[in-house]
């Protein structure tokens, strides 16, 4: 966490050094996330409802153009995947029972991530019409995993942190409106979509169950599972 705080302070320092008009704010935003893979035997079968909250920073280098950043905590990100082939999906995690080391085919596994998010993007907004401005934003998002839990079979909140990715990088697009309630204060509401680019499951050597024979085989699971989602931004800018 000290490294994360240092990175955040460095980014804020860079923004401040080139500042013409910096605005800061806070958000408390509901999220919906899901996972998809490049393997047709591992398919999305559910989404997670989560939360994003933290700091928003906007550096306006022109009146309606800004570089955006911040620091957020993301809770309950991820989703549910149905695995068409069974096996040992968490070989390096200390699960609560050895029964969970071999999961049957066609089981749902829900992964729940907690992550720190460092965004960097560009924002364009309109001139003010009455109390309103409209905006669009293209953010790039660095996610640093702090915790991962799994729900599968009859167990919940299993610690699967060692068998999940550490870093995630996403691109996104979003837009919304700012409603001015004072000279320097506005309420912000918007919707953002983001798509992950990095595999959030560790492809370690594991035993997979052969569908034809029912036997376990020592094969490498090499699918790529990414997190995508929607954020419903609710915030205040000062």
Protein backbone atom coordinates (compact mmCIF):
# COMPACT_ATOMS: atom_id res chain seq x y z
CA UNK A 1 0.00 0.00 0.00
CA UNK A 2 2.96 2.36 0.59
CA UNK A 3 4.02 1.90 -3.05
CA UNK A 4 0.48 2.66 -4.23
CA UNK A 5 0.35 5.84 -2.14
CA UNK A 6 3.76 6.90 -3.53
CA UNK A 7 2.57 6.37 -7.12
CA UNK A 8 -0.57 8.39 -6.42
CA UNK A 9 1.44 11.25 -4.89
CA UNK A 10 3.80 11.25 -7.89
CA UNK A 11 0.91 11.42 -10.34
CA UNK A 12 -0.71 14.25 -8.42
CA UNK A 13 2.62 16.06 -8.42
CA UNK A 14 2.94 15.75 -12.20
CA UNK A 15 -0.59 17.03 -12.71
CA UNK A 16 0.03 19.96 -10.36
CA UNK A 17 3.29 20.97 -12.04
CA UNK A 18 1.49 21.47 -15.37
CA UNK A 19 -1.68 22.84 -13.87
CA UNK A 20 -3.69 25.69 -15.25
CA UNK A 21 -6.96 24.85 -13.58
CA UNK A 22 -7.13 21.80 -11.29
CA UNK A 23 -10.41 20.47 -9.97
CA UNK A 24 -10.67 17.76 -7.35
CA UNK A 25 -13.62 15.68 -6.33
CA UNK A 26 -14.90 12.43 -4.90
CA UNK A 27 -16.97 9.63 -6.33
CA UNK A 28 -19.10 6.86 -4.83
CA UNK A 29 -20.12 4.84 -7.87
CA UNK A 30 -21.98 1.52 -8.26
CA UNK A 31 -20.48 -0.95 -10.75
CA UNK A 32 -21.47 -4.05 -12.69
CA UNK A 33 -18.64 -6.29 -13.91
CA UNK A 34 -18.31 -9.60 -15.73
CA UNK A 35 -15.60 -11.89 -17.08
CA UNK A 36 -15.13 -13.30 -20.58
CA UNK A 37 -12.52 -15.65 -22.03
CA UNK A 38 -11.05 -16.67 -25.38
CA UNK A 39 -11.94 -20.32 -24.68
CA UNK A 40 -15.37 -21.52 -25.86
CA UNK A 41 -15.42 -24.08 -23.04
CA UNK A 42 -15.20 -21.32 -20.40
CA UNK A 43 -18.15 -18.97 -20.69
CA UNK A 44 -19.60 -16.06 -18.76
CA UNK A 45 -22.47 -17.13 -16.51
CA UNK A 46 -22.96 -14.18 -14.15
CA UNK A 47 -21.92 -10.69 -13.14
CA UNK A 48 -20.85 -8.99 -9.91
CA UNK A 49 -22.43 -5.85 -8.47
CA UNK A 50 -19.72 -3.79 -6.83
CA UNK A 51 -18.56 -0.35 -5.85
CA UNK A 52 -15.91 2.19 -6.84
CA UNK A 53 -15.03 5.11 -4.58
CA UNK A 54 -12.18 7.54 -4.26
CA UNK A 55 -10.55 10.70 -5.59
CA UNK A 56 -11.12 12.39 -8.97
CA UNK A 57 -8.55 14.87 -10.31
CA UNK A 58 -8.97 17.00 -13.45
CA UNK A 59 -6.30 19.30 -14.88
CA UNK A 60 -7.84 21.73 -17.41
CA UNK A 61 -5.18 22.82 -19.89
CA UNK A 62 -7.94 24.66 -21.78
CA UNK A 63 -11.36 25.71 -20.56
CA UNK A 64 -13.15 22.56 -21.75
CA UNK A 65 -10.26 20.10 -22.14
CA UNK A 66 -8.70 18.23 -19.23
CA UNK A 67 -6.28 15.46 -18.34
CA UNK A 68 -7.97 13.27 -15.75
CA UNK A 69 -6.55 11.03 -13.04
CA UNK A 70 -7.32 9.98 -9.47
CA UNK A 71 -7.10 7.08 -7.05
CA UNK A 72 -9.97 4.65 -6.41
CA UNK A 73 -10.74 1.50 -4.48
CA UNK A 74 -12.79 -1.12 -6.35
CA UNK A 75 -14.80 -3.69 -4.41
CA UNK A 76 -16.39 -6.93 -5.70
CA UNK A 77 -15.14 -6.77 -9.28
CA UNK A 78 -15.03 -9.86 -11.50
CA UNK A 79 -17.80 -12.26 -12.39
CA UNK A 80 -18.84 -15.89 -12.77
CA UNK A 81 -17.39 -18.31 -15.32
CA UNK A 82 -18.75 -21.73 -16.17
CA UNK A 83 -15.89 -24.18 -16.84
CA UNK A 84 -16.79 -26.89 -19.32
CA UNK A 85 -13.77 -28.93 -18.25
CA UNK A 86 -13.15 -29.68 -14.60
CA UNK A 87 -9.88 -29.82 -12.70
CA UNK A 88 -7.73 -28.14 -10.08
CA UNK A 89 -8.10 -24.43 -10.84
CA UNK A 90 -6.40 -23.11 -7.70
CA UNK A 91 -3.29 -25.30 -7.25
CA UNK A 92 -1.28 -22.75 -5.24
CA UNK A 93 -4.11 -21.45 -3.03
CA UNK A 94 -4.72 -22.77 0.48
CA UNK A 95 -8.38 -23.75 0.23
CA UNK A 96 -10.47 -24.65 3.26
CA UNK A 97 -10.92 -28.28 2.14
CA UNK A 98 -8.96 -30.56 -0.21
CA UNK A 99 -12.34 -31.46 -1.75
CA UNK A 100 -12.14 -28.18 -3.67
CA UNK A 101 -8.86 -29.11 -5.37
CA UNK A 102 -10.75 -31.02 -8.06
CA UNK A 103 -13.83 -29.28 -9.38
CA UNK A 104 -16.15 -31.17 -11.73
CA UNK A 105 -16.95 -30.03 -15.27
CA UNK A 106 -19.67 -27.44 -15.90
CA UNK A 107 -19.30 -25.84 -12.49
CA UNK A 108 -19.71 -22.11 -11.93
CA UNK A 109 -16.79 -20.30 -10.30
CA UNK A 110 -17.35 -16.74 -9.09
CA UNK A 111 -14.24 -14.60 -8.69
CA UNK A 112 -14.42 -11.44 -6.58
CA UNK A 113 -11.55 -8.98 -6.81
CA UNK A 114 -10.66 -5.99 -4.67
CA UNK A 115 -8.37 -3.60 -6.53
CA UNK A 116 -6.78 -0.18 -6.39
CA UNK A 117 -7.38 1.82 -9.56
CA UNK A 118 -5.15 4.54 -11.02
CA UNK A 119 -6.83 6.14 -14.06
CA UNK A 120 -5.36 8.45 -16.68
CA UNK A 121 -7.51 9.95 -19.41
CA UNK A 122 -8.69 12.87 -21.50
CA UNK A 123 -11.96 14.69 -20.91
CA UNK A 124 -13.89 17.03 -23.20
CA UNK A 125 -16.87 19.01 -21.99
CA UNK A 126 -19.35 21.51 -23.43
CA UNK A 127 -19.84 25.12 -22.44
CA UNK A 128 -22.28 25.64 -19.59
CA UNK A 129 -25.99 25.78 -20.46
CA UNK A 130 -27.79 27.17 -17.45
CA UNK A 131 -26.59 24.91 -14.64
CA UNK A 132 -25.50 22.04 -16.91
CA UNK A 133 -22.44 20.89 -18.80
CA UNK A 134 -22.14 17.63 -20.74
CA UNK A 135 -18.89 15.72 -21.10
CA UNK A 136 -17.19 12.73 -22.66
CA UNK A 137 -14.09 10.95 -21.37
CA UNK A 138 -11.63 8.31 -22.58
CA UNK A 139 -9.81 6.78 -19.59
CA UNK A 140 -7.04 4.20 -19.41
CA UNK A 141 -7.10 2.27 -16.14
CA UNK A 142 -4.36 0.53 -14.18
CA UNK A 143 -5.72 -1.92 -11.60
CA UNK A 144 -3.58 -3.35 -8.81
CA UNK A 145 -5.15 -6.39 -7.17
CA UNK A 146 -5.16 -6.39 -3.37
CA UNK A 147 -7.42 -9.41 -2.77
CA UNK A 148 -9.29 -12.17 -4.59
CA UNK A 149 -12.01 -14.47 -3.27
CA UNK A 150 -13.82 -17.38 -4.92
CA UNK A 151 -17.29 -18.90 -4.60
CA UNK A 152 -17.74 -22.42 -6.02
CA UNK A 153 -19.43 -25.71 -5.13
CA UNK A 154 -20.74 -25.22 -1.55
CA UNK A 155 -18.04 -22.82 -0.35
CA UNK A 156 -17.74 -19.04 -0.40
CA UNK A 157 -15.02 -16.47 0.15
CA UNK A 158 -12.16 -18.88 -0.51
CA UNK A 159 -8.83 -17.07 -0.71
CA UNK A 160 -7.71 -17.54 -4.35
CA UNK A 161 -5.33 -14.56 -4.44
CA UNK A 162 -2.22 -16.61 -5.46
CA UNK A 163 -4.03 -18.01 -8.52
CA UNK A 164 -5.16 -14.69 -9.97
CA UNK A 165 -3.40 -11.92 -11.88
CA UNK A 166 -1.71 -9.09 -10.01
CA UNK A 167 -2.14 -6.24 -12.51
CA UNK A 168 -4.92 -5.38 -14.92
CA UNK A 169 -4.93 -2.74 -17.63
CA UNK A 170 -8.18 -1.52 -19.21
CA UNK A 171 -9.36 1.04 -21.69
CA UNK A 172 -12.73 2.74 -21.41
CA UNK A 173 -15.17 5.31 -22.67
CA UNK A 174 -17.82 7.28 -20.83
CA UNK A 175 -19.87 10.41 -20.59
CA UNK A 176 -22.35 12.27 -18.49
CA UNK A 177 -23.34 15.64 -17.08
CA UNK A 178 -22.19 18.14 -14.47
CA UNK A 179 -24.83 20.12 -12.56
CA UNK A 180 -23.51 23.29 -10.95
CA UNK A 181 -24.72 23.93 -7.40
CA UNK A 182 -22.24 26.75 -6.60
CA UNK A 183 -19.52 28.74 -8.34
CA UNK A 184 -16.87 26.03 -7.93
CA UNK A 185 -19.00 23.00 -7.02
CA UNK A 186 -20.84 20.57 -9.29
CA UNK A 187 -22.63 17.25 -8.94
CA UNK A 188 -21.45 14.72 -11.54
CA UNK A 189 -23.37 11.78 -12.98
CA UNK A 190 -22.30 9.55 -15.84
CA UNK A 191 -21.90 6.06 -17.21
CA UNK A 192 -18.62 4.41 -18.23
CA UNK A 193 -17.74 1.17 -19.99
CA UNK A 194 -14.33 -0.46 -19.57
CA UNK A 195 -12.76 -3.54 -21.13
CA UNK A 196 -9.84 -5.43 -19.61
CA UNK A 197 -6.77 -6.37 -21.64
CA UNK A 198 -4.84 -8.64 -19.24
CA UNK A 199 -5.57 -12.19 -18.10
CA UNK A 200 -6.78 -12.16 -14.49
CA UNK A 201 -6.40 -15.92 -13.96
CA UNK A 202 -3.03 -17.57 -13.51
CA UNK A 203 -2.43 -20.28 -16.11
CA UNK A 204 -0.52 -22.66 -13.87
CA UNK A 205 -0.05 -26.34 -14.56
CA UNK A 206 -3.17 -28.06 -13.27
CA UNK A 207 -5.07 -31.29 -13.57
CA UNK A 208 -7.94 -31.13 -16.03
CA UNK A 209 -10.67 -33.75 -16.24
CA UNK A 210 -11.01 -35.44 -19.62
CA UNK A 211 -14.69 -35.42 -20.66
CA UNK A 212 -14.46 -38.71 -22.57
CA UNK A 213 -12.76 -40.82 -19.89
CA UNK A 214 -13.54 -38.87 -16.72
CA UNK A 215 -9.88 -39.14 -15.73
CA UNK A 216 -7.63 -36.33 -14.57
CA UNK A 217 -4.85 -35.38 -16.95
CA UNK A 218 -1.88 -33.14 -16.28
CA UNK A 219 -2.50 -30.39 -18.84
CA UNK A 220 -1.88 -26.67 -19.03
CA UNK A 221 -4.93 -24.42 -18.82
CA UNK A 222 -4.04 -21.49 -21.08
CA UNK A 223 -7.21 -19.44 -21.48
CA UNK A 224 -7.28 -15.66 -21.15
CA UNK A 225 -9.98 -14.29 -18.84
CA UNK A 226 -10.54 -10.52 -18.74
CA UNK A 227 -12.80 -8.27 -16.69
CA UNK A 228 -15.19 -5.82 -18.35
CA UNK A 229 -17.84 -3.66 -16.75
CA UNK A 230 -19.99 -0.60 -16.33
CA UNK A 231 -19.52 2.17 -13.79
CA UNK A 232 -22.41 4.49 -12.87
CA UNK A 233 -20.45 7.52 -11.72
CA UNK A 234 -21.90 9.60 -8.90
CA UNK A 235 -19.62 12.33 -7.61
CA UNK A 236 -18.98 15.89 -6.52
CA UNK A 237 -16.33 18.20 -8.02
CA UNK A 238 -14.90 21.27 -6.30
